[in-house]
Amino acid sequence: MADRDKRTDVDKLLAEVDGMLSGEGSPKRPVAPVDSGKSEPSGLRGGLSAQVRTATVSAAVAGVGVWFIFALLPFLQAGSGAIGAFLGTFAAVLVFRRRR
């Protein structure tokens, strides 16, 4: 069994967290925000191009899915269904912006 008198790394970490949360300690060096290397798209152009790209991919997936389902059902027109799904999904994704 482990020696109960010896402080483990977990005990040291818990003591440090407890001290930070109670306000007793302060970091020894100032904490700087970490730069992930990725910059946000600047302006409307970056956001709009990303939105159009997302709308196009979503519409293509919906179009292929509807075409595949309609191709299995002989009484439905697969081409017109796929075009309708593409246009509908493209417009919906382009108009309704995602919240991040």
PDB file of N, CA and C in Angstrom:
ATOM      1  N   MET A   1       0.827  -1.181   0.000  1.00  0.00           N
ATOM      2  CA  MET A   1       0.000   0.000   0.000  1.00  0.00           C
ATOM      3  C   MET A   1       0.868   1.240   0.000  1.00  0.00           C
ATOM      4  N   ALA A   2       0.301   2.323  -0.430  1.00  0.00           N
ATOM      5  CA  ALA A   2       1.044   3.571  -0.519  1.00  0.00           C
ATOM      6  C   ALA A   2       1.223   4.176   0.860  1.00  0.00           C
ATOM      7  N   ASP A   3       2.308   4.905   1.025  1.00  0.00           N
ATOM      8  CA  ASP A   3       2.596   5.591   2.279  1.00  0.00           C
ATOM      9  C   ASP A   3       1.647   6.778   2.417  1.00  0.00           C
ATOM     10  N   ARG A   4       0.869   6.802   3.477  1.00  0.00           N
ATOM     11  CA  ARG A   4      -0.141   7.848   3.642  1.00  0.00           C
ATOM     12  C   ARG A   4       0.484   9.210   3.960  1.00  0.00           C
ATOM     13  N   ASP A   5       1.696   9.240   4.471  1.00  0.00           N
ATOM     14  CA  ASP A   5       2.344  10.505   4.809  1.00  0.00           C
ATOM     15  C   ASP A   5       2.918  11.199   3.580  1.00  0.00           C
ATOM     16  N   LYS A   6       3.156  10.467   2.538  1.00  0.00           N
ATOM     17  CA  LYS A   6       3.775  11.017   1.332  1.00  0.00           C
ATOM     18  C   LYS A   6       2.700  11.644   0.449  1.00  0.00           C
ATOM     19  N   ARG A   7       2.908  12.905   0.044  1.00  0.00           N
ATOM     20  CA  ARG A   7       1.943  13.595  -0.825  1.00  0.00           C
ATOM     21  C   ARG A   7       2.149  13.134  -2.262  1.00  0.00           C
ATOM     22  N   THR A   8       1.077  12.742  -2.885  1.00  0.00           N
ATOM     23  CA  THR A   8       1.157  12.312  -4.272  1.00  0.00           C
ATOM     24  C   THR A   8       0.942  13.517  -5.184  1.00  0.00           C
ATOM     25  N   ASP A   9       1.133  13.296  -6.469  1.00  0.00           N
ATOM     26  CA  ASP A   9       0.908  14.368  -7.439  1.00  0.00           C
ATOM     27  C   ASP A   9      -0.546  14.826  -7.434  1.00  0.00           C
ATOM     28  N   VAL A  10      -1.447  13.873  -7.226  1.00  0.00           N
ATOM     29  CA  VAL A  10      -2.867  14.213  -7.196  1.00  0.00           C
ATOM     30  C   VAL A  10      -3.169  15.116  -5.999  1.00  0.00           C
ATOM     31  N   ASP A  11      -2.581  14.790  -4.854  1.00  0.00           N
ATOM     32  CA  ASP A  11      -2.798  15.629  -3.676  1.00  0.00           C
ATOM     33  C   ASP A  11      -2.245  17.032  -3.883  1.00  0.00           C
ATOM     34  N   LYS A  12      -1.076  17.126  -4.504  1.00  0.00           N
ATOM     35  CA  LYS A  12      -0.493  18.441  -4.777  1.00  0.00           C
ATOM     36  C   LYS A  12      -1.365  19.241  -5.730  1.00  0.00           C
ATOM     37  N   LEU A  13      -1.873  18.564  -6.756  1.00  0.00           N
ATOM     38  CA  LEU A  13      -2.731  19.234  -7.719  1.00  0.00           C
ATOM     39  C   LEU A  13      -4.026  19.703  -7.073  1.00  0.00           C
ATOM     40  N   LEU A  14      -4.625  18.857  -6.248  1.00  0.00           N
ATOM     41  CA  LEU A  14      -5.858  19.243  -5.556  1.00  0.00           C
ATOM     42  C   LEU A  14      -5.625  20.414  -4.611  1.00  0.00           C
ATOM     43  N   ALA A  15      -4.482  20.423  -3.933  1.00  0.00           N
ATOM     44  CA  ALA A  15      -4.164  21.537  -3.043  1.00  0.00           C
ATOM     45  C   ALA A  15      -3.978  22.828  -3.838  1.00  0.00           C
ATOM     46  N   GLU A  16      -3.343  22.746  -4.986  1.00  0.00           N
ATOM     47  CA  GLU A  16      -3.145  23.928  -5.825  1.00  0.00           C
ATOM     48  C   GLU A  16      -4.477  24.464  -6.354  1.00  0.00           C
ATOM     49  N   VAL A  17      -5.342  23.563  -6.808  1.00  0.00           N
ATOM     50  CA  VAL A  17      -6.657  23.979  -7.313  1.00  0.00           C
ATOM     51  C   VAL A  17      -7.478  24.573  -6.191  1.00  0.00           C
ATOM     52  N   ASP A  18      -7.427  23.964  -5.027  1.00  0.00           N
ATOM     53  CA  ASP A  18      -8.176  24.470  -3.884  1.00  0.00           C
ATOM     54  C   ASP A  18      -7.698  25.874  -3.513  1.00  0.00           C
ATOM     55  N   GLY A  19      -6.392  26.089  -3.544  1.00  0.00           N
ATOM     56  CA  GLY A  19      -5.850  27.407  -3.239  1.00  0.00           C
ATOM     57  C   GLY A  19      -6.241  28.445  -4.276  1.00  0.00           C
ATOM     58  N   MET A  20      -6.256  28.066  -5.544  1.00  0.00           N
ATOM     59  CA  MET A  20      -6.627  29.007  -6.599  1.00  0.00           C
ATOM     60  C   MET A  20      -8.103  29.378  -6.508  1.00  0.00           C
ATOM     61  N   LEU A  21      -8.947  28.397  -6.240  1.00  0.00           N
ATOM     62  CA  LEU A  21     -10.380  28.669  -6.175  1.00  0.00           C
ATOM     63  C   LEU A  21     -10.758  29.483  -4.944  1.00  0.00           C
ATOM     64  N   SER A  22     -10.024  29.323  -3.862  1.00  0.00           N
ATOM     65  CA  SER A  22     -10.347  30.086  -2.660  1.00  0.00           C
ATOM     66  C   SER A  22      -9.752  31.491  -2.707  1.00  0.00           C
ATOM     67  N   GLY A  23      -8.920  31.776  -3.688  1.00  0.00           N
ATOM     68  CA  GLY A  23      -8.353  33.104  -3.850  1.00  0.00           C
ATOM     69  C   GLY A  23      -7.088  33.324  -3.064  1.00  0.00           C
ATOM     70  N   GLU A  24      -6.570  32.284  -2.440  1.00  0.00           N
ATOM     71  CA  GLU A  24      -5.357  32.433  -1.648  1.00  0.00           C
ATOM     72  C   GLU A  24      -4.124  32.627  -2.512  1.00  0.00           C
ATOM     73  N   GLY A  25      -4.069  31.910  -3.590  1.00  0.00           N
ATOM     74  CA  GLY A  25      -2.881  31.958  -4.426  1.00  0.00           C
ATOM     75  C   GLY A  25      -3.149  32.675  -5.725  1.00  0.00           C
ATOM     76  N   SER A  26      -2.094  33.114  -6.313  1.00  0.00           N
ATOM     77  CA  SER A  26      -2.198  33.689  -7.646  1.00  0.00           C
ATOM     78  C   SER A  26      -1.167  32.995  -8.507  1.00  0.00           C
ATOM     79  N   PRO A  27      -1.396  32.969  -9.800  1.00  0.00           N
ATOM     80  CA  PRO A  27      -0.411  32.297 -10.652  1.00  0.00           C
ATOM     81  C   PRO A  27       0.947  32.966 -10.559  1.00  0.00           C
ATOM     82  N   LYS A  28       1.982  32.168 -10.598  1.00  0.00           N
ATOM     83  CA  LYS A  28       3.340  32.695 -10.490  1.00  0.00           C
ATOM     84  C   LYS A  28       3.719  33.545 -11.696  1.00  0.00           C
ATOM     85  N   ARG A  29       3.134  33.264 -12.818  1.00  0.00           N
ATOM     86  CA  ARG A  29       3.373  34.066 -14.004  1.00  0.00           C
ATOM     87  C   ARG A  29       2.014  34.407 -14.614  1.00  0.00           C
ATOM     88  N   PRO A  30       1.921  35.524 -15.277  1.00  0.00           N
ATOM     89  CA  PRO A  30       0.632  35.889 -15.872  1.00  0.00           C
ATOM     90  C   PRO A  30       0.228  34.888 -16.953  1.00  0.00           C
ATOM     91  N   VAL A  31      -1.024  34.585 -16.962  1.00  0.00           N
ATOM     92  CA  VAL A  31      -1.545  33.625 -17.928  1.00  0.00           C
ATOM     93  C   VAL A  31      -1.912  34.371 -19.195  1.00  0.00           C
ATOM     94  N   ALA A  32      -1.299  33.973 -20.301  1.00  0.00           N
ATOM     95  CA  ALA A  32      -1.574  34.599 -21.596  1.00  0.00           C
ATOM     96  C   ALA A  32      -2.510  33.703 -22.382  1.00  0.00           C
ATOM     97  N   PRO A  33      -3.434  34.289 -23.129  1.00  0.00           N
ATOM     98  CA  PRO A  33      -4.315  33.451 -23.940  1.00  0.00           C
ATOM     99  C   PRO A  33      -3.521  32.703 -24.999  1.00  0.00           C
ATOM    100  N   VAL A  34      -3.935  31.485 -25.245  1.00  0.00           N
ATOM    101  CA  VAL A  34      -3.251  30.634 -26.216  1.00  0.00           C
ATOM    102  C   VAL A  34      -3.773  30.959 -27.605  1.00  0.00           C
ATOM    103  N   ASP A  35      -2.840  31.202 -28.518  1.00  0.00           N
ATOM    104  CA  ASP A  35      -3.217  31.459 -29.901  1.00  0.00           C
ATOM    105  C   ASP A  35      -3.227  30.126 -30.632  1.00  0.00           C
ATOM    106  N   SER A  36      -4.385  29.749 -31.146  1.00  0.00           N
ATOM    107  CA  SER A  36      -4.503  28.450 -31.800  1.00  0.00           C
ATOM    108  C   SER A  36      -3.923  28.450 -33.211  1.00  0.00           C
ATOM    109  N   GLY A  37      -3.562  29.595 -33.718  1.00  0.00           N
ATOM    110  CA  GLY A  37      -2.996  29.666 -35.056  1.00  0.00           C
ATOM    111  C   GLY A  37      -4.048  29.875 -36.123  1.00  0.00           C
ATOM    112  N   LYS A  38      -5.287  29.661 -35.782  1.00  0.00           N
ATOM    113  CA  LYS A  38      -6.364  29.854 -36.746  1.00  0.00           C
ATOM    114  C   LYS A  38      -6.953  31.242 -36.535  1.00  0.00           C
ATOM    115  N   SER A  39      -7.066  31.957 -37.603  1.00  0.00           N
ATOM    116  CA  SER A  39      -7.679  33.281 -37.493  1.00  0.00           C
ATOM    117  C   SER A  39      -9.120  33.195 -37.958  1.00  0.00           C
ATOM    118  N   GLU A  40      -9.947  33.980 -37.348  1.00  0.00           N
ATOM    119  CA  GLU A  40     -11.352  34.022 -37.721  1.00  0.00           C
ATOM    120  C   GLU A  40     -11.477  34.683 -39.088  1.00  0.00           C
ATOM    121  N   PRO A  41     -12.434  34.255 -39.900  1.00  0.00           N
ATOM    122  CA  PRO A  41     -12.634  34.938 -41.164  1.00  0.00           C
ATOM    123  C   PRO A  41     -13.033  36.383 -40.905  1.00  0.00           C
ATOM    124  N   SER A  42     -12.338  37.283 -41.540  1.00  0.00           N
ATOM    125  CA  SER A  42     -12.599  38.689 -41.268  1.00  0.00           C
ATOM    126  C   SER A  42     -13.693  39.221 -42.175  1.00  0.00           C
ATOM    127  N   GLY A  43     -14.556  39.984 -41.577  1.00  0.00           N
ATOM    128  CA  GLY A  43     -15.588  40.668 -42.340  1.00  0.00           C
ATOM    129  C   GLY A  43     -16.701  39.770 -42.827  1.00  0.00           C
ATOM    130  N   LEU A  44     -17.562  40.349 -43.625  1.00  0.00           N
ATOM    131  CA  LEU A  44     -18.719  39.654 -44.155  1.00  0.00           C
ATOM    132  C   LEU A  44     -18.323  38.651 -45.222  1.00  0.00           C
ATOM    133  N   ARG A  45     -17.277  38.931 -45.961  1.00  0.00           N
ATOM    134  CA  ARG A  45     -16.865  38.069 -47.067  1.00  0.00           C
ATOM    135  C   ARG A  45     -16.494  36.677 -46.584  1.00  0.00           C
ATOM    136  N   GLY A  46     -15.713  36.585 -45.510  1.00  0.00           N
ATOM    137  CA  GLY A  46     -15.301  35.290 -44.977  1.00  0.00           C
ATOM    138  C   GLY A  46     -16.482  34.501 -44.457  1.00  0.00           C
ATOM    139  N   GLY A  47     -17.387  35.148 -43.751  1.00  0.00           N
ATOM    140  CA  GLY A  47     -18.556  34.471 -43.210  1.00  0.00           C
ATOM    141  C   GLY A  47     -19.516  34.051 -44.294  1.00  0.00           C
ATOM    142  N   LEU A  48     -19.673  34.878 -45.321  1.00  0.00           N
ATOM    143  CA  LEU A  48     -20.602  34.565 -46.401  1.00  0.00           C
ATOM    144  C   LEU A  48     -20.080  33.416 -47.248  1.00  0.00           C
ATOM    145  N   SER A  49     -18.787  33.385 -47.512  1.00  0.00           N
ATOM    146  CA  SER A  49     -18.248  32.285 -48.316  1.00  0.00           C
ATOM    147  C   SER A  49     -18.335  30.964 -47.562  1.00  0.00           C
ATOM    148  N   ALA A  50     -18.119  30.997 -46.262  1.00  0.00           N
ATOM    149  CA  ALA A  50     -18.262  29.778 -45.468  1.00  0.00           C
ATOM    150  C   ALA A  50     -19.716  29.319 -45.451  1.00  0.00           C
ATOM    151  N   GLN A  51     -20.639  30.264 -45.380  1.00  0.00           N
ATOM    152  CA  GLN A  51     -22.058  29.925 -45.385  1.00  0.00           C
ATOM    153  C   GLN A  51     -22.477  29.316 -46.725  1.00  0.00           C
ATOM    154  N   VAL A  52     -21.980  29.876 -47.816  1.00  0.00           N
ATOM    155  CA  VAL A  52     -22.298  29.343 -49.145  1.00  0.00           C
ATOM    156  C   VAL A  52     -21.705  27.947 -49.315  1.00  0.00           C
ATOM    157  N   ARG A  53     -20.488  27.746 -48.818  1.00  0.00           N
ATOM    158  CA  ARG A  53     -19.855  26.431 -48.900  1.00  0.00           C
ATOM    159  C   ARG A  53     -20.653  25.396 -48.096  1.00  0.00           C
ATOM    160  N   THR A  54     -21.083  25.772 -46.910  1.00  0.00           N
ATOM    161  CA  THR A  54     -21.888  24.868 -46.081  1.00  0.00           C
ATOM    162  C   THR A  54     -23.219  24.565 -46.754  1.00  0.00           C
ATOM    163  N   ALA A  55     -23.847  25.574 -47.335  1.00  0.00           N
ATOM    164  CA  ALA A  55     -25.123  25.381 -48.017  1.00  0.00           C
ATOM    165  C   ALA A  55     -24.967  24.461 -49.220  1.00  0.00           C
ATOM    166  N   THR A  56     -23.880  24.607 -49.959  1.00  0.00           N
ATOM    167  CA  THR A  56     -23.661  23.772 -51.137  1.00  0.00           C
ATOM    168  C   THR A  56     -23.443  22.311 -50.756  1.00  0.00           C
ATOM    169  N   VAL A  57     -22.639  22.073 -49.745  1.00  0.00           N
ATOM    170  CA  VAL A  57     -22.382  20.692 -49.315  1.00  0.00           C
ATOM    171  C   VAL A  57     -23.667  20.060 -48.777  1.00  0.00           C
ATOM    172  N   SER A  58     -24.402  20.793 -47.959  1.00  0.00           N
ATOM    173  CA  SER A  58     -25.652  20.264 -47.411  1.00  0.00           C
ATOM    174  C   SER A  58     -26.660  19.967 -48.516  1.00  0.00           C
ATOM    175  N   ALA A  59     -26.751  20.862 -49.475  1.00  0.00           N
ATOM    176  CA  ALA A  59     -27.686  20.676 -50.580  1.00  0.00           C
ATOM    177  C   ALA A  59     -27.292  19.480 -51.438  1.00  0.00           C
ATOM    178  N   ALA A  60     -26.001  19.289 -51.666  1.00  0.00           N
ATOM    179  CA  ALA A  60     -25.547  18.140 -52.458  1.00  0.00           C
ATOM    180  C   ALA A  60     -25.872  16.828 -51.759  1.00  0.00           C
ATOM    181  N   VAL A  61     -25.666  16.775 -50.455  1.00  0.00           N
ATOM    182  CA  VAL A  61     -25.989  15.563 -49.702  1.00  0.00           C
ATOM    183  C   VAL A  61     -27.491  15.289 -49.751  1.00  0.00           C
ATOM    184  N   ALA A  62     -28.303  16.331 -49.566  1.00  0.00           N
ATOM    185  CA  ALA A  62     -29.757  16.158 -49.624  1.00  0.00           C
ATOM    186  C   ALA A  62     -30.199  15.732 -51.019  1.00  0.00           C
ATOM    187  N   GLY A  63     -29.631  16.334 -52.055  1.00  0.00           N
ATOM    188  CA  GLY A  63     -29.988  15.987 -53.427  1.00  0.00           C
ATOM    189  C   GLY A  63     -29.664  14.546 -53.761  1.00  0.00           C
ATOM    190  N   VAL A  64     -28.489  14.090 -53.367  1.00  0.00           N
ATOM    191  CA  VAL A  64     -28.097  12.703 -53.628  1.00  0.00           C
ATOM    192  C   VAL A  64     -28.978  11.742 -52.834  1.00  0.00           C
ATOM    193  N   GLY A  65     -29.266  12.093 -51.592  1.00  0.00           N
ATOM    194  CA  GLY A  65     -30.124  11.233 -50.776  1.00  0.00           C
ATOM    195  C   GLY A  65     -31.526  11.107 -51.345  1.00  0.00           C
ATOM    196  N   VAL A  66     -32.109  12.218 -51.735  1.00  0.00           N
ATOM    197  CA  VAL A  66     -33.457  12.184 -52.311  1.00  0.00           C
ATOM    198  C   VAL A  66     -33.444  11.462 -53.653  1.00  0.00           C
ATOM    199  N   TRP A  67     -32.420  11.688 -54.467  1.00  0.00           N
ATOM    200  CA  TRP A  67     -32.337  10.996 -55.753  1.00  0.00           C
ATOM    201  C   TRP A  67     -32.276   9.484 -55.538  1.00  0.00           C
ATOM    202  N   PHE A  68     -31.476   9.056 -54.564  1.00  0.00           N
ATOM    203  CA  PHE A  68     -31.334   7.626 -54.296  1.00  0.00           C
ATOM    204  C   PHE A  68     -32.656   7.015 -53.840  1.00  0.00           C
ATOM    205  N   ILE A  69     -33.337   7.691 -52.921  1.00  0.00           N
ATOM    206  CA  ILE A  69     -34.622   7.178 -52.442  1.00  0.00           C
ATOM    207  C   ILE A  69     -35.656   7.163 -53.568  1.00  0.00           C
ATOM    208  N   PHE A  70     -35.707   8.244 -54.327  1.00  0.00           N
ATOM    209  CA  PHE A  70     -36.692   8.319 -55.414  1.00  0.00           C
ATOM    210  C   PHE A  70     -36.358   7.341 -56.542  1.00  0.00           C
ATOM    211  N   ALA A  71     -35.087   7.012 -56.717  1.00  0.00           N
ATOM    212  CA  ALA A  71     -34.722   6.051 -57.760  1.00  0.00           C
ATOM    213  C   ALA A  71     -35.209   4.650 -57.402  1.00  0.00           C
ATOM    214  N   LEU A  72     -35.329   4.360 -56.116  1.00  0.00           N
ATOM    215  CA  LEU A  72     -35.826   3.053 -55.683  1.00  0.00           C
ATOM    216  C   LEU A  72     -37.340   2.943 -55.837  1.00  0.00           C
ATOM    217  N   LEU A  73     -38.023   4.078 -55.791  1.00  0.00           N
ATOM    218  CA  LEU A  73     -39.473   4.089 -55.923  1.00  0.00           C
ATOM    219  C   LEU A  73     -39.825   4.426 -57.370  1.00  0.00           C
ATOM    220  N   PRO A  74     -40.407   3.505 -58.111  1.00  0.00           N
ATOM    221  CA  PRO A  74     -40.585   3.695 -59.551  1.00  0.00           C
ATOM    222  C   PRO A  74     -41.617   4.766 -59.928  1.00  0.00           C
ATOM    223  N   PHE A  75     -42.507   5.122 -59.038  1.00  0.00           N
ATOM    224  CA  PHE A  75     -43.556   6.073 -59.396  1.00  0.00           C
ATOM    225  C   PHE A  75     -43.178   7.524 -59.120  1.00  0.00           C
ATOM    226  N   LEU A  76     -41.976   7.786 -58.617  1.00  0.00           N
ATOM    227  CA  LEU A  76     -41.521   9.153 -58.363  1.00  0.00           C
ATOM    228  C   LEU A  76     -40.400   9.511 -59.335  1.00  0.00           C
ATOM    229  N   GLN A  77     -40.333  10.770 -59.714  1.00  0.00           N
ATOM    230  CA  GLN A  77     -39.294  11.255 -60.622  1.00  0.00           C
ATOM    231  C   GLN A  77     -38.029  11.579 -59.816  1.00  0.00           C
ATOM    232  N   ALA A  78     -36.974  10.807 -59.999  1.00  0.00           N
ATOM    233  CA  ALA A  78     -35.757  10.970 -59.205  1.00  0.00           C
ATOM    234  C   ALA A  78     -35.048  12.282 -59.514  1.00  0.00           C
ATOM    235  N   GLY A  79     -34.975  12.668 -60.767  1.00  0.00           N
ATOM    236  CA  GLY A  79     -34.247  13.888 -61.137  1.00  0.00           C
ATOM    237  C   GLY A  79     -34.886  15.137 -60.579  1.00  0.00           C
ATOM    238  N   SER A  80     -36.188  15.277 -60.733  1.00  0.00           N
ATOM    239  CA  SER A  80     -36.852  16.480 -60.242  1.00  0.00           C
ATOM    240  C   SER A  80     -36.856  16.518 -58.715  1.00  0.00           C
ATOM    241  N   GLY A  81     -36.949  15.370 -58.084  1.00  0.00           N
ATOM    242  CA  GLY A  81     -36.882  15.330 -56.619  1.00  0.00           C
ATOM    243  C   GLY A  81     -35.526  15.760 -56.110  1.00  0.00           C
ATOM    244  N   ALA A  82     -34.471  15.305 -56.793  1.00  0.00           N
ATOM    245  CA  ALA A  82     -33.112  15.671 -56.380  1.00  0.00           C
ATOM    246  C   ALA A  82     -32.859  17.162 -56.572  1.00  0.00           C
ATOM    247  N   ILE A  83     -33.346  17.716 -57.683  1.00  0.00           N
ATOM    248  CA  ILE A  83     -33.176  19.157 -57.928  1.00  0.00           C
ATOM    249  C   ILE A  83     -33.944  19.966 -56.889  1.00  0.00           C
ATOM    250  N   GLY A  84     -35.161  19.540 -56.592  1.00  0.00           N
ATOM    251  CA  GLY A  84     -35.948  20.234 -55.581  1.00  0.00           C
ATOM    252  C   GLY A  84     -35.311  20.172 -54.208  1.00  0.00           C
ATOM    253  N   ALA A  85     -34.777  19.007 -53.840  1.00  0.00           N
ATOM    254  CA  ALA A  85     -34.108  18.871 -52.545  1.00  0.00           C
ATOM    255  C   ALA A  85     -32.859  19.736 -52.487  1.00  0.00           C
ATOM    256  N   PHE A  86     -32.102  19.775 -53.591  1.00  0.00           N
ATOM    257  CA  PHE A  86     -30.896  20.598 -53.627  1.00  0.00           C
ATOM    258  C   PHE A  86     -31.244  22.076 -53.431  1.00  0.00           C
ATOM    259  N   LEU A  87     -32.207  22.563 -54.212  1.00  0.00           N
ATOM    260  CA  LEU A  87     -32.560  23.987 -54.131  1.00  0.00           C
ATOM    261  C   LEU A  87     -33.167  24.346 -52.783  1.00  0.00           C
ATOM    262  N   GLY A  88     -34.035  23.487 -52.278  1.00  0.00           N
ATOM    263  CA  GLY A  88     -34.660  23.762 -50.985  1.00  0.00           C
ATOM    264  C   GLY A  88     -33.663  23.781 -49.847  1.00  0.00           C
ATOM    265  N   THR A  89     -32.775  22.803 -49.829  1.00  0.00           N
ATOM    266  CA  THR A  89     -31.768  22.747 -48.767  1.00  0.00           C
ATOM    267  C   THR A  89     -30.773  23.879 -48.892  1.00  0.00           C
ATOM    268  N   PHE A  90     -30.358  24.192 -50.112  1.00  0.00           N
ATOM    269  CA  PHE A  90     -29.423  25.294 -50.330  1.00  0.00           C
ATOM    270  C   PHE A  90     -30.007  26.603 -49.806  1.00  0.00           C
ATOM    271  N   ALA A  91     -31.250  26.877 -50.152  1.00  0.00           N
ATOM    272  CA  ALA A  91     -31.886  28.119 -49.702  1.00  0.00           C
ATOM    273  C   ALA A  91     -32.065  28.134 -48.192  1.00  0.00           C
ATOM    274  N   ALA A  92     -32.475  27.011 -47.614  1.00  0.00           N
ATOM    275  CA  ALA A  92     -32.704  26.978 -46.166  1.00  0.00           C
ATOM    276  C   ALA A  92     -31.413  27.171 -45.382  1.00  0.00           C
ATOM    277  N   VAL A  93     -30.344  26.503 -45.797  1.00  0.00           N
ATOM    278  CA  VAL A  93     -29.078  26.634 -45.076  1.00  0.00           C
ATOM    279  C   VAL A  93     -28.481  28.018 -45.282  1.00  0.00           C
ATOM    280  N   LEU A  94     -28.672  28.584 -46.453  1.00  0.00           N
ATOM    281  CA  LEU A  94     -28.123  29.909 -46.721  1.00  0.00           C
ATOM    282  C   LEU A  94     -28.875  30.990 -45.948  1.00  0.00           C
ATOM    283  N   VAL A  95     -30.180  30.848 -45.830  1.00  0.00           N
ATOM    284  CA  VAL A  95     -30.987  31.866 -45.149  1.00  0.00           C
ATOM    285  C   VAL A  95     -30.873  31.764 -43.632  1.00  0.00           C
ATOM    286  N   PHE A  96     -30.978  30.553 -43.106  1.00  0.00           N
ATOM    287  CA  PHE A  96     -30.951  30.366 -41.651  1.00  0.00           C
ATOM    288  C   PHE A  96     -29.519  30.123 -41.211  1.00  0.00           C
ATOM    289  N   ARG A  97     -28.927  31.130 -40.621  1.00  0.00           N
ATOM    290  CA  ARG A  97     -27.524  31.050 -40.200  1.00  0.00           C
ATOM    291  C   ARG A  97     -27.386  30.179 -38.952  1.00  0.00           C
ATOM    292  N   ARG A  98     -26.251  29.449 -38.887  1.00  0.00           N
ATOM    293  CA  ARG A  98     -25.947  28.663 -37.695  1.00  0.00           C
ATOM    294  C   ARG A  98     -25.428  29.577 -36.616  1.00  0.00           C
ATOM    295  N   ARG A  99     -25.762  29.264 -35.391  1.00  0.00           N
ATOM    296  CA  ARG A  99     -25.234  30.021 -34.246  1.00  0.00           C
ATOM    297  C   ARG A  99     -24.060  29.231 -33.684  1.00  0.00           C
ATOM    298  N   ARG A 100     -22.953  29.932 -33.414  1.00  0.00           N
ATOM    299  CA  ARG A 100     -21.760  29.251 -32.891  1.00  0.00           C
ATOM    300  C   ARG A 100     -21.522  29.630 -31.478  1.00  0.00           C
TER     301      ARG A 100
END
